[in-house]
Amino acid sequence: MLVLTRKRDQFLVLTAMVDIPKGTEIKVQITDVARGHATIGISAPKSVRVLRGEIPPQAIDSPEAITQETDDPEHPDFGKDYA
């Protein structure tokens, strides 16, 4: 699960990089809301790219623009399964 924090009016962009089968599920879950931030968990096939809304369009094909699942053991949602 990819875990991101968003402030009011920030957004995410989910883009299918290849044709995905009809009925493929993408799960978006609000895991916490505190101090003006929402923590969002996203479960999607690897063929779905999840980008923060502030990434400029010209950077979309940059490897740095692609977010990854949290591998930070200090992150409060590390290792949690919200399925």
C-alpha atoms as a PDB file:
ATOM      1  CA  MET A   1       0.000   0.000   0.000  1.00  0.00           C
ATOM      2  CA  LEU A   2       1.250   3.447  -0.910  1.00  0.00           C
ATOM      3  CA  VAL A   3       0.673   5.962   1.897  1.00  0.00           C
ATOM      4  CA  LEU A   4       0.606   9.722   1.250  1.00  0.00           C
ATOM      5  CA  THR A   5      -0.445  12.745   3.240  1.00  0.00           C
ATOM      6  CA  ARG A   6      -2.430  15.521   1.568  1.00  0.00           C
ATOM      7  CA  LYS A   7      -3.491  18.970   2.761  1.00  0.00           C
ATOM      8  CA  ARG A   8      -6.743  20.684   1.852  1.00  0.00           C
ATOM      9  CA  ASP A   9      -7.003  21.291  -1.921  1.00  0.00           C
ATOM     10  CA  GLN A  10      -4.024  19.043  -2.755  1.00  0.00           C
ATOM     11  CA  PHE A  11      -4.771  16.098  -4.982  1.00  0.00           C
ATOM     12  CA  LEU A  12      -3.448  12.882  -6.508  1.00  0.00           C
ATOM     13  CA  VAL A  13      -3.416  11.759 -10.127  1.00  0.00           C
ATOM     14  CA  LEU A  14      -3.902   8.061 -10.894  1.00  0.00           C
ATOM     15  CA  THR A  15      -2.938   7.061 -14.437  1.00  0.00           C
ATOM     16  CA  ALA A  16      -3.196   3.611 -16.028  1.00  0.00           C
ATOM     17  CA  MET A  17       0.082   3.089 -17.886  1.00  0.00           C
ATOM     18  CA  VAL A  18      -1.337   0.155 -19.885  1.00  0.00           C
ATOM     19  CA  ASP A  19      -4.817  -1.175 -20.537  1.00  0.00           C
ATOM     20  CA  ILE A  20      -6.047  -2.751 -17.338  1.00  0.00           C
ATOM     21  CA  PRO A  21      -8.802  -5.362 -17.269  1.00  0.00           C
ATOM     22  CA  LYS A  22     -12.353  -4.222 -16.646  1.00  0.00           C
ATOM     23  CA  GLY A  23     -13.194  -4.638 -12.982  1.00  0.00           C
ATOM     24  CA  THR A  24      -9.633  -4.099 -11.756  1.00  0.00           C
ATOM     25  CA  GLU A  25      -9.908  -2.498  -8.338  1.00  0.00           C
ATOM     26  CA  ILE A  26      -8.055   0.557  -7.137  1.00  0.00           C
ATOM     27  CA  LYS A  27      -8.633   1.082  -3.435  1.00  0.00           C
ATOM     28  CA  VAL A  28      -8.284   4.570  -1.942  1.00  0.00           C
ATOM     29  CA  GLN A  29      -8.711   4.757   1.815  1.00  0.00           C
ATOM     30  CA  ILE A  30      -8.527   7.678   4.225  1.00  0.00           C
ATOM     31  CA  THR A  31      -6.453   6.190   7.034  1.00  0.00           C
ATOM     32  CA  ASP A  32      -6.215   9.252   9.292  1.00  0.00           C
ATOM     33  CA  VAL A  33      -7.277  12.887   9.503  1.00  0.00           C
ATOM     34  CA  ALA A  34      -5.412  15.214  11.841  1.00  0.00           C
ATOM     35  CA  ARG A  35      -4.257  18.825  12.014  1.00  0.00           C
ATOM     36  CA  GLY A  36      -5.504  19.738   8.552  1.00  0.00           C
ATOM     37  CA  HIS A  37      -3.987  16.705   6.820  1.00  0.00           C
ATOM     38  CA  ALA A  38      -5.490  13.487   5.527  1.00  0.00           C
ATOM     39  CA  THR A  39      -3.396  10.341   5.308  1.00  0.00           C
ATOM     40  CA  ILE A  40      -4.442   8.310   2.295  1.00  0.00           C
ATOM     41  CA  GLY A  41      -3.665   4.673   1.542  1.00  0.00           C
ATOM     42  CA  ILE A  42      -3.788   3.539  -2.088  1.00  0.00           C
ATOM     43  CA  SER A  43      -3.761  -0.064  -3.296  1.00  0.00           C
ATOM     44  CA  ALA A  44      -3.542  -0.421  -7.063  1.00  0.00           C
ATOM     45  CA  PRO A  45      -1.900  -2.631  -9.678  1.00  0.00           C
ATOM     46  CA  LYS A  46       1.702  -1.742 -10.513  1.00  0.00           C
ATOM     47  CA  SER A  47       0.460  -0.627 -13.949  1.00  0.00           C
ATOM     48  CA  VAL A  48      -1.287   2.325 -12.275  1.00  0.00           C
ATOM     49  CA  ARG A  49       0.966   5.302 -11.605  1.00  0.00           C
ATOM     50  CA  VAL A  50       0.111   7.452  -8.586  1.00  0.00           C
ATOM     51  CA  LEU A  51       1.467  10.995  -8.697  1.00  0.00           C
ATOM     52  CA  ARG A  52       1.151  13.899  -6.319  1.00  0.00           C
ATOM     53  CA  GLY A  53      -0.834  16.716  -7.934  1.00  0.00           C
ATOM     54  CA  GLU A  54       2.005  19.211  -7.569  1.00  0.00           C
ATOM     55  CA  ILE A  55       4.229  17.221  -9.950  1.00  0.00           C
ATOM     56  CA  PRO A  56       4.527  19.344 -13.119  1.00  0.00           C
ATOM     57  CA  PRO A  57       3.321  17.688 -16.358  1.00  0.00           C
ATOM     58  CA  GLN A  58       6.830  17.689 -17.867  1.00  0.00           C
ATOM     59  CA  ALA A  59       8.109  15.588 -14.952  1.00  0.00           C
ATOM     60  CA  ILE A  60       5.526  12.833 -15.283  1.00  0.00           C
ATOM     61  CA  ASP A  61       7.873  10.533 -17.201  1.00  0.00           C
ATOM     62  CA  SER A  62      10.708  11.167 -14.751  1.00  0.00           C
ATOM     63  CA  PRO A  63      11.471   8.256 -12.387  1.00  0.00           C
ATOM     64  CA  GLU A  64      11.640  10.758  -9.529  1.00  0.00           C
ATOM     65  CA  ALA A  65       7.994  11.669 -10.123  1.00  0.00           C
ATOM     66  CA  ILE A  66       6.767   8.187  -9.328  1.00  0.00           C
ATOM     67  CA  THR A  67       5.868   7.663  -5.706  1.00  0.00           C
ATOM     68  CA  GLN A  68       6.665   4.376  -4.017  1.00  0.00           C
ATOM     69  CA  GLU A  69       5.183   2.429  -1.160  1.00  0.00           C
ATOM     70  CA  THR A  70       6.499   3.591   2.147  1.00  0.00           C
ATOM     71  CA  ASP A  71       9.575   1.664   3.168  1.00  0.00           C
ATOM     72  CA  ASP A  72      10.302   4.006   6.057  1.00  0.00           C
ATOM     73  CA  PRO A  73       9.927   2.021   9.289  1.00  0.00           C
ATOM     74  CA  GLU A  74       9.476   5.349  11.130  1.00  0.00           C
ATOM     75  CA  HIS A  75       6.341   6.179   9.093  1.00  0.00           C
ATOM     76  CA  PRO A  76       3.238   5.602  11.260  1.00  0.00           C
ATOM     77  CA  ASP A  77       1.611   3.444   8.565  1.00  0.00           C
ATOM     78  CA  PHE A  78       4.649   1.284   7.760  1.00  0.00           C
ATOM     79  CA  GLY A  79       3.634  -2.357   7.633  1.00  0.00           C
ATOM     80  CA  LYS A  80      -0.077  -1.714   8.160  1.00  0.00           C
ATOM     81  CA  ASP A  81      -2.553  -3.489   5.928  1.00  0.00           C
ATOM     82  CA  TYR A  82      -5.794  -1.577   5.449  1.00  0.00           C
ATOM     83  CA  ALA A  83      -7.403  -4.191   3.199  1.00  0.00           C
END
